[in-house]
Structures are given as structure tokens and as C-alpha cells.
């Protein structure tokens, strides 16, 4: 189902600045992905942090806090297809401030290896839900503190990819981390680029076995974990 917001509406909401092809959220004064190499960061933090693609199976569900440019989705779908696995990947993202499809395309143009997928999904970028032969996608818009508790799904792997906890604390509170745990499959996992102590404590209190591990690039540490 296509978005009911126009590109002009979402541009106004997001207030984007640009550093080359990298969008900066004016609201949070934070880039949507690494200034060094956003694709490599996504692979390191979210795929490898969740032991993907080795865990993929038909019906595998990824859930995400913060859809942004769609980089994580496309990187995950690329990895899914490269495994040659049959079946369907399910991907649900919670996003308060959806980016316009045209801005997603601009941002994703920074990654030539994703170009075939960007071209394939051009008409879906900015949509709230769509399906292909191997993907079922939904974007749940609004404040995740309100929308996630009402979600009927449960993820095998979580990508916690909100803006910096110092700049976007609403997306890293203990109650929301508990909601993440409540919507995680048994032995499900999470990964995030941040190693902030209060985030790690919140996830631990929610029921995850939390590990601080080497981060990407200039980030010394990141966090990952498994639901106990």
C-alpha cells in the first residue's frame, strides 16, 4: 500500500541536510548512516551482529527500530538472495519520520552494489507495505513506544538503529527495550551500533544476554545480545 504522505510532506517533517549522498536529520543533527561506509557498517553491525545470513530460514523475521533510507532492508535482502535460500523473508520496520522515496533513492545511490535492488524496488521505496516473491515488508509509522506494544509479530532478529541515544533518547528507553524483548522469538537476537551503558542495562533487564563487542570503524564498541 503506497504512502499517504507526499514527498513534500516527508521532506518538511524530516528537515534533511545533505553531505554528498549522505542525509543528515536536522531534527536530530545525526547522519542516517556512517560517514565512512554505511553499507559496511550495516553488514558489520546488523548482519554479523545477528549472525546473519547463517540463521536465515523460510519465514525469518527481521524487525527494526528506525527505517531511515532503507539501507538495512536492501542489505538484508541482498544477503538473503546471495544465500540461495528459498522461501520468504519478513521485514518490519518502526519509523516515526518516514523519508520520501526520492530521498531514499538519492541516499542509496552511494552504494553501487545495491543499484540492482534499488532499481527493482524503486516504485516501492516510501511505501508502507509491499511484497515481492521473496519479501514481505511493512513499515509501521508513528512513535514506536506506542506502536510496538500493539504489534502482533515477533522477530528472530532486531536491528536497533535509531539515532544516537544522546540525541534521540525516546527510542532507547527501558520500556521500549522491554517491548523489543516481548516481541522477540525464543533465542532471538538484537544488534545495535551503540554501546551506551543505559541501553545495555535496559536490554539486559528486559531479558537479553548482552555483549559489548568491537564496533565498526571509529566506533570502538557495539552491542549485541540473545534473548534468554
Protein backbone atom coordinates (compact mmCIF):
# COMPACT_ATOMS: atom_id res chain seq x y z
CA UNK A 1 0.00 0.00 0.00
CA UNK A 2 1.59 3.29 -1.02
CA UNK A 3 2.29 6.06 1.45
CA UNK A 4 -0.44 8.60 2.06
CA UNK A 5 2.23 11.25 2.64
CA UNK A 6 3.68 13.19 -0.28
CA UNK A 7 7.42 13.65 -0.77
CA UNK A 8 6.93 17.32 0.10
CA UNK A 9 5.27 16.35 3.39
CA UNK A 10 8.04 13.99 4.41
CA UNK A 11 10.76 16.45 3.36
CA UNK A 12 9.19 19.00 5.67
CA UNK A 13 8.91 16.54 8.55
CA UNK A 14 12.46 15.25 8.23
CA UNK A 15 14.23 18.54 7.55
CA UNK A 16 17.09 16.87 5.70
CA UNK A 17 20.51 18.30 5.09
CA UNK A 18 22.94 16.51 2.78
CA UNK A 19 26.63 15.76 2.87
CA UNK A 20 27.08 14.44 -0.63
CA UNK A 21 24.67 11.49 -0.85
CA UNK A 22 24.51 11.13 2.95
CA UNK A 23 21.33 12.55 4.50
CA UNK A 24 21.60 14.31 7.86
CA UNK A 25 18.47 14.53 10.02
CA UNK A 26 18.18 18.15 11.04
CA UNK A 27 15.79 17.19 13.84
CA UNK A 28 18.47 15.03 15.49
CA UNK A 29 21.63 16.53 13.97
CA UNK A 30 22.74 12.99 13.10
CA UNK A 31 23.55 11.19 9.81
CA UNK A 32 21.34 8.34 8.68
CA UNK A 33 24.36 6.09 8.22
CA UNK A 34 28.12 6.07 8.73
CA UNK A 35 30.05 8.85 7.06
CA UNK A 36 32.81 6.29 6.43
CA UNK A 37 30.90 3.47 4.72
CA UNK A 38 27.25 2.95 5.56
CA UNK A 39 26.98 -0.37 3.76
CA UNK A 40 30.00 -1.85 5.54
CA UNK A 41 28.61 -0.59 8.86
CA UNK A 42 25.24 -2.24 8.22
CA UNK A 43 26.90 -5.53 7.34
CA UNK A 44 29.15 -5.42 10.41
CA UNK A 45 26.61 -4.25 12.96
CA UNK A 46 23.26 -5.63 11.91
CA UNK A 47 24.02 -8.69 9.79
CA UNK A 48 27.10 -10.04 11.54
CA UNK A 49 25.83 -8.81 14.91
CA UNK A 50 22.77 -11.05 14.48
CA UNK A 51 24.79 -13.95 13.00
CA UNK A 52 23.25 -13.42 9.59
CA UNK A 53 22.93 -14.74 6.98
CA UNK A 54 23.72 -18.13 8.58
CA UNK A 55 20.44 -18.13 10.56
CA UNK A 56 18.17 -17.39 7.61
CA UNK A 57 15.28 -19.77 7.02
CA UNK A 58 11.90 -19.55 5.32
CA UNK A 59 9.73 -17.11 7.25
CA UNK A 60 12.66 -15.49 9.07
CA UNK A 61 11.51 -12.18 10.56
CA UNK A 62 13.71 -9.11 10.93
CA UNK A 63 12.32 -6.15 12.87
CA UNK A 64 13.90 -2.75 13.08
CA UNK A 65 13.64 0.47 15.07
CA UNK A 66 14.32 3.21 12.55
CA UNK A 67 13.89 2.54 8.81
CA UNK A 68 15.71 5.64 7.57
CA UNK A 69 16.92 5.29 3.99
CA UNK A 70 16.08 1.59 3.65
CA UNK A 71 19.77 0.67 3.60
CA UNK A 72 19.35 -2.08 6.18
CA UNK A 73 16.44 -3.60 4.29
CA UNK A 74 18.27 -3.71 0.97
CA UNK A 75 21.47 -5.03 2.55
CA UNK A 76 19.49 -7.79 4.25
CA UNK A 77 17.58 -8.71 1.11
CA UNK A 78 20.84 -8.82 -0.86
CA UNK A 79 22.35 -11.20 1.73
CA UNK A 80 19.17 -13.31 1.71
CA UNK A 81 19.29 -13.76 -2.05
CA UNK A 82 23.02 -14.48 -2.06
CA UNK A 83 22.44 -17.48 0.20
CA UNK A 84 20.17 -19.01 -2.46
CA UNK A 85 17.59 -19.81 0.22
CA UNK A 86 14.03 -20.45 -0.91
CA UNK A 87 11.03 -19.01 0.85
CA UNK A 88 10.12 -15.60 2.19
CA UNK A 89 11.91 -13.02 4.31
CA UNK A 90 9.66 -10.95 6.56
CA UNK A 91 10.83 -7.44 7.43
CA UNK A 92 9.02 -5.00 9.71
CA UNK A 93 10.30 -1.52 10.46
CA UNK A 94 9.07 1.01 13.01
CA UNK A 95 9.60 4.58 11.82
CA UNK A 96 8.30 7.85 13.25
CA UNK A 97 9.51 10.15 10.46
CA UNK A 98 9.39 8.35 7.09
CA UNK A 99 11.75 9.63 4.45
CA UNK A 100 10.49 10.46 0.98
CA UNK A 101 11.11 7.80 -1.64
CA UNK A 102 13.12 10.17 -3.83
CA UNK A 103 15.42 10.96 -0.90
CA UNK A 104 15.90 7.25 -0.24
CA UNK A 105 16.98 6.81 -3.85
CA UNK A 106 19.46 9.68 -3.56
CA UNK A 107 20.97 8.24 -0.39
CA UNK A 108 21.13 4.69 -1.74
CA UNK A 109 22.92 5.89 -4.88
CA UNK A 110 26.07 5.95 -2.73
CA UNK A 111 26.18 2.14 -2.86
CA UNK A 112 26.71 0.78 -6.40
CA UNK A 113 26.42 -2.87 -5.30
CA UNK A 114 22.83 -2.17 -4.25
CA UNK A 115 21.90 -0.49 -7.54
CA UNK A 116 20.05 -3.52 -9.00
CA UNK A 117 17.89 -3.79 -5.88
CA UNK A 118 17.24 -0.05 -5.81
CA UNK A 119 16.09 -0.22 -9.43
CA UNK A 120 13.93 -3.27 -8.73
CA UNK A 121 12.24 -1.67 -5.71
CA UNK A 122 12.11 1.93 -6.93
CA UNK A 123 8.33 2.02 -7.02
CA UNK A 124 8.12 0.59 -3.51
CA UNK A 125 10.53 2.99 -1.80
CA UNK A 126 8.45 5.11 0.54
CA UNK A 127 5.58 2.58 0.63
CA UNK A 128 4.21 1.41 3.96
CA UNK A 129 3.89 -2.18 2.81
CA UNK A 130 4.66 -4.30 -0.23
CA UNK A 131 5.51 -7.85 -1.19
CA UNK A 132 7.76 -9.49 -3.77
CA UNK A 133 8.36 -13.17 -4.50
CA UNK A 134 10.78 -13.43 -1.57
CA UNK A 135 9.97 -10.48 0.71
CA UNK A 136 7.04 -9.28 2.81
CA UNK A 137 7.69 -5.76 4.06
CA UNK A 138 5.75 -3.45 6.36
CA UNK A 139 6.61 -0.07 7.81
CA UNK A 140 4.67 0.80 10.95
CA UNK A 141 4.65 4.58 11.28
CA UNK A 142 4.40 6.58 14.47
CA UNK A 143 6.12 6.62 17.85
CA UNK A 144 7.47 3.10 18.47
CA UNK A 145 6.66 3.48 22.16
CA UNK A 146 3.00 3.44 21.10
CA UNK A 147 3.08 1.18 18.05
CA UNK A 148 5.45 -1.65 19.05
CA UNK A 149 3.45 -2.86 22.08
CA UNK A 150 0.48 -3.40 19.75
CA UNK A 151 2.44 -5.30 17.09
CA UNK A 152 1.28 -8.89 16.75
CA UNK A 153 4.60 -10.14 15.37
CA UNK A 154 7.80 -11.45 16.93
CA UNK A 155 11.22 -11.06 15.35
CA UNK A 156 14.02 -13.57 15.03
CA UNK A 157 16.47 -10.65 14.77
CA UNK A 158 16.22 -6.99 15.77
CA UNK A 159 18.11 -4.08 14.26
CA UNK A 160 18.12 -1.27 16.83
CA UNK A 161 19.01 1.61 14.55
CA UNK A 162 17.55 4.79 15.95
CA UNK A 163 19.54 7.99 16.00
CA UNK A 164 22.14 8.43 18.74
CA UNK A 165 20.76 7.77 22.24
CA UNK A 166 22.11 11.16 23.30
CA UNK A 167 20.07 12.88 20.56
CA UNK A 168 17.04 10.57 20.30
CA UNK A 169 16.57 9.16 23.84
CA UNK A 170 12.91 8.30 23.21
CA UNK A 171 13.92 5.33 21.08
CA UNK A 172 16.21 3.80 23.73
CA UNK A 173 14.19 3.85 26.94
CA UNK A 174 13.77 0.83 29.23
CA UNK A 175 10.07 0.42 28.45
CA UNK A 176 10.74 0.27 24.71
CA UNK A 177 13.60 -2.19 25.18
CA UNK A 178 11.16 -4.35 27.14
CA UNK A 179 8.73 -4.16 24.23
CA UNK A 180 11.55 -5.32 21.94
CA UNK A 181 12.12 -8.34 24.18
CA UNK A 182 8.38 -9.03 24.36
CA UNK A 183 8.29 -9.21 20.55
CA UNK A 184 11.32 -11.47 20.08
CA UNK A 185 11.24 -15.15 19.21
CA UNK A 186 12.79 -17.60 21.71
CA UNK A 187 16.58 -17.39 21.31
CA UNK A 188 16.08 -14.34 19.09
CA UNK A 189 18.77 -11.71 18.86
CA UNK A 190 19.39 -7.98 18.59
CA UNK A 191 22.28 -5.85 17.42
CA UNK A 192 22.94 -2.13 17.61
CA UNK A 193 25.78 0.25 16.84
CA UNK A 194 25.58 1.88 20.28
CA UNK A 195 27.35 0.67 23.41
CA UNK A 196 25.75 3.24 25.73
CA UNK A 197 25.59 1.84 29.24
CA UNK A 198 21.93 2.66 29.88
CA UNK A 199 20.94 0.94 26.62
CA UNK A 200 22.87 -2.20 27.56
CA UNK A 201 21.33 -2.19 31.03
CA UNK A 202 17.83 -1.74 29.64
CA UNK A 203 18.24 -4.66 27.26
CA UNK A 204 19.72 -6.83 30.00
CA UNK A 205 16.84 -6.03 32.34
CA UNK A 206 14.43 -6.88 29.51
CA UNK A 207 15.81 -10.42 29.37
CA UNK A 208 18.66 -10.40 26.86
CA UNK A 209 22.14 -11.76 27.43
CA UNK A 210 24.03 -8.64 26.37
CA UNK A 211 27.55 -8.48 24.91
CA UNK A 212 29.72 -5.49 24.14
CA UNK A 213 31.79 -6.32 21.05
CA UNK A 214 34.05 -4.44 18.60
CA UNK A 215 32.21 -1.80 16.63
CA UNK A 216 32.61 -0.57 13.08
CA UNK A 217 35.22 1.96 12.01
CA UNK A 218 35.89 4.62 14.61
CA UNK A 219 33.27 3.18 16.97
CA UNK A 220 35.26 1.09 19.42
CA UNK A 221 32.27 -0.93 20.63
CA UNK A 222 28.76 -2.01 19.67
CA UNK A 223 26.20 -4.20 21.43
CA UNK A 224 24.51 -7.45 20.57
CA UNK A 225 22.53 -9.99 22.52
CA UNK A 226 20.34 -13.09 22.68
CA UNK A 227 17.01 -13.48 24.44
CA UNK A 228 17.39 -15.80 27.41
